[in-house]
N, C-alpha and C. Protein backbone atom coordinates (compact mmCIF):
# COMPACT_ATOMS: atom_id res chain seq x y z
N MET A 1 79.74 115.56 116.06
CA MET A 1 80.70 114.42 116.02
C MET A 1 81.96 114.77 116.50
N LYS A 2 82.56 113.86 117.62
CA LYS A 2 83.79 114.15 118.20
C LYS A 2 84.92 114.12 117.09
N ILE A 3 85.98 114.79 117.45
CA ILE A 3 87.25 114.68 116.52
C ILE A 3 87.68 113.27 116.22
N GLU A 4 87.90 112.60 117.33
CA GLU A 4 88.40 111.42 117.36
C GLU A 4 87.34 110.28 116.31
N ASP A 5 86.14 110.59 116.55
CA ASP A 5 85.24 109.69 115.79
C ASP A 5 85.30 110.03 114.24
N LYS A 6 85.56 111.41 113.92
CA LYS A 6 85.50 111.82 112.43
C LYS A 6 86.84 111.05 111.91
N LEU A 7 87.88 111.02 112.57
CA LEU A 7 89.07 110.26 112.24
C LEU A 7 88.81 108.86 111.71
N LEU A 8 88.23 108.15 112.86
CA LEU A 8 87.99 106.83 112.75
C LEU A 8 87.03 106.49 111.65
N LYS A 9 85.94 107.25 111.48
CA LYS A 9 85.09 107.08 110.30
C LYS A 9 85.81 107.20 109.03
N ASN A 10 86.87 108.04 108.94
CA ASN A 10 87.51 107.90 107.67
C ASN A 10 88.88 107.04 107.72
N LYS A 11 88.86 105.99 108.61
CA LYS A 11 89.81 105.02 108.74
C LYS A 11 91.33 105.76 108.87
N VAL A 12 91.31 106.73 109.76
CA VAL A 12 92.39 107.34 110.17
C VAL A 12 92.62 106.93 111.61
N LYS A 13 93.92 106.41 112.01
CA LYS A 13 94.18 106.22 113.21
C LYS A 13 94.21 107.50 113.98
N PRO A 14 93.73 107.74 115.17
CA PRO A 14 93.69 109.09 116.03
C PRO A 14 95.11 109.06 116.74
N THR A 15 96.07 109.84 116.26
CA THR A 15 97.25 110.07 117.06
C THR A 15 97.18 111.39 117.52
N ALA A 16 97.95 111.91 118.54
CA ALA A 16 97.96 113.14 119.16
C ALA A 16 98.11 114.32 118.19
N MET A 17 99.02 114.18 117.19
CA MET A 17 99.25 115.07 115.95
C MET A 17 97.95 115.16 115.11
N ARG A 18 97.41 114.07 114.83
CA ARG A 18 96.26 114.17 113.84
C ARG A 18 95.01 114.73 114.51
N LEU A 19 94.82 114.44 115.71
CA LEU A 19 93.79 115.28 116.51
C LEU A 19 93.98 116.80 116.57
N LEU A 20 95.33 117.13 116.94
CA LEU A 20 95.54 118.50 116.94
C LEU A 20 95.44 119.21 115.65
N VAL A 21 95.79 118.59 114.44
CA VAL A 21 95.70 119.29 113.13
C VAL A 21 94.24 119.24 112.78
N LEU A 22 93.65 118.26 113.08
CA LEU A 22 92.19 118.30 112.70
C LEU A 22 91.29 119.18 113.34
N ARG A 23 91.63 119.53 114.68
CA ARG A 23 91.00 120.49 115.49
C ARG A 23 91.19 121.89 114.97
N LYS A 24 92.54 122.07 114.44
CA LYS A 24 92.87 123.53 113.81
C LYS A 24 92.16 123.65 112.56
N LEU A 25 91.98 122.58 111.62
CA LEU A 25 91.25 122.78 110.36
C LEU A 25 89.90 122.94 110.69
N MET A 26 89.20 122.25 111.62
CA MET A 26 87.69 122.48 112.03
C MET A 26 87.61 123.92 112.54
N GLU A 27 88.53 124.45 113.14
CA GLU A 27 88.20 125.86 113.65
C GLU A 27 88.28 126.96 112.66
N ARG A 28 88.78 126.73 111.32
CA ARG A 28 88.89 127.71 110.36
C ARG A 28 87.70 127.77 109.33
N ASN A 29 87.41 128.91 108.79
CA ASN A 29 86.45 128.98 107.89
C ASN A 29 87.16 129.30 106.57
N SER A 30 88.47 129.12 106.30
CA SER A 30 89.26 129.29 105.09
C SER A 30 90.25 128.23 104.99
N ALA A 31 90.74 127.98 103.76
CA ALA A 31 91.88 126.96 103.72
C ALA A 31 93.06 127.43 104.30
N ILE A 32 93.99 126.47 104.43
CA ILE A 32 95.27 126.86 105.16
C ILE A 32 96.44 126.19 104.35
N GLY A 33 97.53 126.94 104.27
CA GLY A 33 98.67 126.19 103.66
C GLY A 33 99.65 125.69 104.88
N LEU A 34 100.57 124.66 104.50
CA LEU A 34 101.46 123.97 105.32
C LEU A 34 102.12 124.95 106.32
N THR A 35 102.68 126.12 105.65
CA THR A 35 103.60 127.03 106.53
C THR A 35 102.68 127.69 107.62
N GLU A 36 101.39 128.27 107.08
CA GLU A 36 100.42 128.87 107.92
C GLU A 36 100.08 127.97 109.10
N LEU A 37 99.81 126.72 108.85
CA LEU A 37 99.41 125.74 109.76
C LEU A 37 100.65 125.37 110.68
N GLU A 38 101.80 125.26 110.27
CA GLU A 38 103.04 124.98 111.12
C GLU A 38 103.23 126.16 112.04
N ASN A 39 102.92 127.40 111.74
CA ASN A 39 103.02 128.52 112.46
C ASN A 39 101.91 128.49 113.69
N LEU A 40 100.94 127.70 113.61
CA LEU A 40 99.78 127.65 114.64
C LEU A 40 100.26 126.71 115.90
N PHE A 41 101.33 126.20 115.75
CA PHE A 41 101.88 125.32 116.80
C PHE A 41 103.25 125.78 117.28
N ASP A 42 103.40 125.67 118.67
CA ASP A 42 104.64 126.14 119.20
C ASP A 42 105.83 125.25 118.56
N LYS A 43 105.77 123.99 118.85
CA LYS A 43 106.80 123.07 118.20
C LYS A 43 106.13 122.05 117.38
N VAL A 44 106.54 121.78 116.31
CA VAL A 44 106.00 120.87 115.51
C VAL A 44 106.91 120.35 114.19
N ASP A 45 106.99 119.14 113.96
CA ASP A 45 107.93 118.67 112.89
C ASP A 45 107.25 118.86 111.68
N ARG A 46 107.83 119.74 110.72
CA ARG A 46 107.19 120.08 109.49
C ARG A 46 106.86 118.65 108.67
N THR A 47 107.81 117.75 108.71
CA THR A 47 107.56 116.52 107.95
C THR A 47 106.33 115.77 108.55
N THR A 48 106.16 115.69 109.75
CA THR A 48 104.90 115.07 110.43
C THR A 48 103.60 115.74 110.04
N LEU A 49 103.90 117.04 110.03
CA LEU A 49 102.66 117.83 109.68
C LEU A 49 102.31 117.64 108.13
N TYR A 50 103.21 117.60 107.42
CA TYR A 50 102.96 117.08 105.90
C TYR A 50 102.44 116.06 105.69
N ARG A 51 102.95 114.89 106.45
CA ARG A 51 102.39 113.53 106.33
C ARG A 51 101.03 113.46 106.86
N THR A 52 100.85 114.05 107.75
CA THR A 52 99.34 114.17 108.45
C THR A 52 98.45 114.82 107.53
N LEU A 53 98.83 115.78 106.81
CA LEU A 53 97.76 116.55 105.71
C LEU A 53 97.75 115.37 104.55
N LYS A 54 98.77 114.76 104.22
CA LYS A 54 98.80 113.90 103.07
C LYS A 54 97.75 112.55 103.48
N THR A 55 97.92 112.17 104.64
CA THR A 55 97.04 111.12 105.18
C THR A 55 95.61 111.57 104.97
N PHE A 56 95.30 112.77 105.64
CA PHE A 56 93.99 113.33 105.78
C PHE A 56 93.38 113.44 104.21
N GLU A 57 94.12 113.84 103.19
CA GLU A 57 93.75 114.10 101.84
C GLU A 57 93.42 112.60 101.35
N LYS A 58 94.49 111.66 101.50
CA LYS A 58 94.17 110.34 100.97
C LYS A 58 92.93 109.56 101.60
N ASN A 59 92.59 110.02 102.75
CA ASN A 59 91.43 109.47 103.35
C ASN A 59 90.20 110.37 103.25
N LYS A 60 90.19 111.31 102.39
CA LYS A 60 88.96 112.11 102.18
C LYS A 60 88.43 113.02 103.39
N LEU A 61 89.46 113.38 104.23
CA LEU A 61 89.11 114.14 105.27
C LEU A 61 89.13 115.60 104.91
N ILE A 62 90.37 115.97 103.92
CA ILE A 62 90.49 117.34 103.62
C ILE A 62 90.64 117.09 101.96
N HIS A 63 90.71 118.50 101.29
CA HIS A 63 91.11 118.42 99.86
C HIS A 63 92.02 119.61 99.75
N SER A 64 92.95 119.25 98.70
CA SER A 64 94.00 120.32 98.46
C SER A 64 93.38 121.46 97.30
N ILE A 65 93.91 122.40 97.39
CA ILE A 65 93.61 123.56 96.53
C ILE A 65 94.51 124.39 96.00
N ASP A 66 94.60 124.40 94.60
CA ASP A 66 95.65 125.26 93.87
C ASP A 66 95.05 126.47 93.44
N ASP A 67 95.17 127.61 94.36
CA ASP A 67 94.63 128.81 94.31
C ASP A 67 95.25 129.75 93.28
N GLY A 68 96.38 129.44 92.74
CA GLY A 68 97.13 130.25 91.89
C GLY A 68 98.15 131.10 92.64
N THR A 69 98.38 130.75 93.91
CA THR A 69 99.29 131.63 94.78
C THR A 69 100.75 130.82 94.82
N GLY A 70 100.86 129.62 94.24
CA GLY A 70 101.97 128.87 94.33
C GLY A 70 102.23 128.09 95.46
N MET A 71 101.18 128.09 96.40
CA MET A 71 101.24 127.31 97.70
C MET A 71 99.93 126.57 97.76
N THR A 72 100.22 125.29 97.92
CA THR A 72 98.93 124.49 98.09
C THR A 72 98.23 124.73 99.49
N LYS A 73 96.88 124.78 99.43
CA LYS A 73 96.27 125.15 100.62
C LYS A 73 95.29 123.81 100.88
N TYR A 74 94.87 123.64 102.08
CA TYR A 74 93.94 122.63 102.36
C TYR A 74 92.79 123.03 103.21
N ALA A 75 91.59 122.42 102.93
CA ALA A 75 90.42 122.52 103.76
C ALA A 75 89.65 121.27 103.79
N LEU A 76 88.66 121.30 104.83
CA LEU A 76 87.92 120.09 105.17
C LEU A 76 87.04 119.76 103.96
N CYS A 77 86.84 118.46 103.79
CA CYS A 77 85.86 118.02 103.06
C CYS A 77 84.52 118.05 103.63
N LEU A 78 83.47 118.23 102.80
CA LEU A 78 82.09 117.93 103.40
C LEU A 78 81.76 116.60 103.70
N GLU A 79 80.95 116.30 104.73
CA GLU A 79 80.67 114.88 105.01
C GLU A 79 80.33 114.10 103.69
N GLY A 80 80.64 112.99 103.64
CA GLY A 80 80.34 112.06 102.46
C GLY A 80 81.08 112.41 101.27
N CYS A 81 81.87 113.35 101.35
CA CYS A 81 82.82 113.70 100.02
C CYS A 81 83.58 112.48 99.76
N GLU A 82 83.76 112.26 98.33
CA GLU A 82 84.71 111.26 97.78
C GLU A 82 85.66 111.83 97.00
N CYS A 83 85.57 113.11 96.93
CA CYS A 83 86.65 114.06 96.00
C CYS A 83 86.52 113.51 94.53
N ASN A 84 85.43 113.01 94.05
CA ASN A 84 85.16 112.67 92.75
C ASN A 84 84.75 113.95 92.06
N PRO A 85 85.00 114.00 90.66
CA PRO A 85 84.71 115.31 90.07
C PRO A 85 83.26 115.92 90.40
N GLU A 86 82.26 114.97 90.41
CA GLU A 86 80.88 115.50 90.97
C GLU A 86 80.87 116.01 92.37
N ASP A 87 81.88 115.60 93.12
CA ASP A 87 81.94 116.20 94.69
C ASP A 87 82.55 117.59 94.59
N LEU A 88 83.26 117.89 93.66
CA LEU A 88 84.21 119.03 93.73
C LEU A 88 83.46 120.28 93.65
N HIS A 89 83.95 121.53 94.13
CA HIS A 89 83.24 122.72 94.30
C HIS A 89 84.10 124.02 93.81
N VAL A 90 83.72 125.07 93.69
CA VAL A 90 84.54 126.32 93.39
C VAL A 90 85.25 126.71 94.73
N HIS A 91 86.24 127.43 94.40
CA HIS A 91 87.07 127.97 95.61
C HIS A 91 87.14 129.52 95.27
N PHE A 92 86.97 130.40 96.44
CA PHE A 92 87.10 131.94 96.12
C PHE A 92 88.45 132.44 96.85
N HIS A 93 89.27 133.05 95.99
CA HIS A 93 90.49 133.55 96.59
C HIS A 93 90.44 134.97 96.72
N CYS A 94 90.71 135.57 97.92
CA CYS A 94 90.56 137.04 98.24
C CYS A 94 91.83 137.71 97.71
N ASN A 95 91.82 138.69 96.75
CA ASN A 95 93.09 139.42 96.22
C ASN A 95 93.39 140.15 97.42
N ASN A 96 92.75 140.54 98.51
CA ASN A 96 93.29 141.54 99.60
C ASN A 96 93.96 140.72 100.58
N CYS A 97 93.07 139.86 101.41
CA CYS A 97 93.64 139.29 102.62
C CYS A 97 94.35 137.83 102.26
N LYS A 98 94.19 137.47 100.94
CA LYS A 98 94.91 136.22 100.42
C LYS A 98 94.35 134.88 100.93
N GLU A 99 93.24 134.89 101.68
CA GLU A 99 92.40 133.96 102.20
C GLU A 99 91.84 133.05 100.95
N THR A 100 91.60 131.83 101.09
CA THR A 100 91.07 131.03 100.28
C THR A 100 89.73 130.33 100.87
N PHE A 101 88.52 130.40 100.34
CA PHE A 101 87.33 129.82 100.80
C PHE A 101 86.53 128.96 99.91
N CYS A 102 86.15 127.95 100.45
CA CYS A 102 85.32 126.91 99.75
C CYS A 102 83.93 127.55 99.64
N VAL A 103 83.42 127.33 98.34
CA VAL A 103 82.07 127.75 97.87
C VAL A 103 81.48 126.57 97.70
N THR A 104 81.04 125.90 98.74
CA THR A 104 80.59 124.32 98.63
C THR A 104 79.19 124.37 97.92
N ASP A 105 78.41 125.17 97.66
CA ASP A 105 77.24 125.10 97.15
C ASP A 105 77.21 125.48 95.66
N THR A 106 78.32 125.72 95.12
CA THR A 106 78.50 125.94 93.65
C THR A 106 79.57 124.85 93.07
N GLY A 107 79.03 123.95 92.48
CA GLY A 107 79.83 122.82 91.99
C GLY A 107 80.68 123.28 90.66
N ILE A 108 81.69 122.47 90.35
CA ILE A 108 82.39 122.61 89.16
C ILE A 108 81.63 122.04 88.11
N PRO A 109 81.44 122.85 86.99
CA PRO A 109 80.75 122.18 85.94
C PRO A 109 81.62 121.15 85.19
N LEU A 110 81.05 120.01 84.90
CA LEU A 110 81.68 119.00 84.22
C LEU A 110 81.73 119.31 82.64
N VAL A 111 83.07 119.20 82.19
CA VAL A 111 83.45 119.46 80.89
C VAL A 111 83.56 118.09 80.07
N GLN A 112 82.92 118.25 78.74
CA GLN A 112 82.98 117.05 77.84
C GLN A 112 84.45 117.32 77.23
N LEU A 113 85.17 116.08 77.61
CA LEU A 113 86.51 115.92 76.90
C LEU A 113 86.41 115.38 75.75
N PRO A 114 87.38 115.68 74.87
CA PRO A 114 87.61 114.96 73.67
C PRO A 114 87.91 113.45 73.83
N MET A 115 87.67 112.80 72.84
CA MET A 115 87.78 111.23 72.76
C MET A 115 89.24 110.92 73.15
N ASN A 116 89.39 109.94 74.08
CA ASN A 116 90.65 109.40 74.48
C ASN A 116 91.28 110.27 75.57
N PHE A 117 90.62 111.36 76.04
CA PHE A 117 91.16 112.15 76.91
C PHE A 117 90.71 111.78 78.53
N LYS A 118 91.41 111.72 79.43
CA LYS A 118 90.91 111.31 80.67
C LYS A 118 91.06 112.38 81.78
N LEU A 119 90.02 112.78 82.50
CA LEU A 119 90.02 113.66 83.55
C LEU A 119 90.78 113.13 84.75
N GLU A 120 91.65 113.85 85.34
CA GLU A 120 92.38 113.54 86.59
C GLU A 120 92.15 114.39 87.64
N GLU A 121 92.23 115.87 87.21
CA GLU A 121 92.03 116.94 88.15
C GLU A 121 91.21 118.03 87.74
N ILE A 122 90.57 118.73 88.47
CA ILE A 122 89.68 119.84 87.92
C ILE A 122 89.78 120.78 88.96
N ASN A 123 89.89 122.22 88.72
CA ASN A 123 89.94 123.21 89.94
C ASN A 123 89.41 124.47 89.19
N MET A 124 88.51 124.91 90.17
CA MET A 124 87.92 126.47 89.57
C MET A 124 88.14 127.36 90.62
N VAL A 125 88.86 128.43 90.45
CA VAL A 125 89.11 129.62 91.61
C VAL A 125 88.66 130.77 91.10
N ILE A 126 87.85 131.50 91.75
CA ILE A 126 87.36 132.83 91.38
C ILE A 126 87.99 133.74 92.31
N LYS A 127 88.55 134.79 91.85
CA LYS A 127 89.27 135.77 92.53
C LYS A 127 88.63 137.01 92.58
N GLY A 128 88.70 137.71 93.84
CA GLY A 128 87.92 138.93 94.06
C GLY A 128 88.28 139.45 95.54
N ILE A 129 87.36 140.19 96.06
CA ILE A 129 87.46 140.59 97.33
C ILE A 129 86.28 140.03 98.35
N CYS A 130 86.84 139.40 99.45
CA CYS A 130 85.87 138.74 100.23
C CYS A 130 85.04 139.74 101.18
N SER A 131 84.07 139.17 101.75
CA SER A 131 83.04 139.82 102.44
C SER A 131 83.75 140.73 103.74
N SER A 132 84.95 140.22 104.24
CA SER A 132 85.49 140.81 105.38
C SER A 132 86.25 141.86 104.94
N CYS A 133 86.82 141.86 103.64
CA CYS A 133 87.69 142.85 103.06
C CYS A 133 87.00 143.97 102.42
N LYS A 134 85.72 143.81 102.11
CA LYS A 134 84.87 144.59 101.42
C LYS A 134 84.59 145.92 101.78
């Protein structure tokens, strides 16, 4: 699928910045933070880049990850993902290289909450050493 088609499928207007950002995200096999993404471009407005990520997240192109490092990271969603609890998966954070990876074939177990509790977010991060660092 062409990058432009991927944006249109998720109801995102293809602008030059959005196409560039999506291309960079598609080239990666790990999640990326705003600062790291910003460093991939010669000149880019940080606010525009942040808004682009938030637009992608709102339209289910990417998901955000709190891996415990204090910096939100972003990764592409799987095709058809709606970011509902049943779509969510485990993430792996390497303590050596500091990269965070999606473990898409391992879902986050659903937890039975007490009465009158409402699930809004769920996150599971496993920490260790990735295959590249081992």
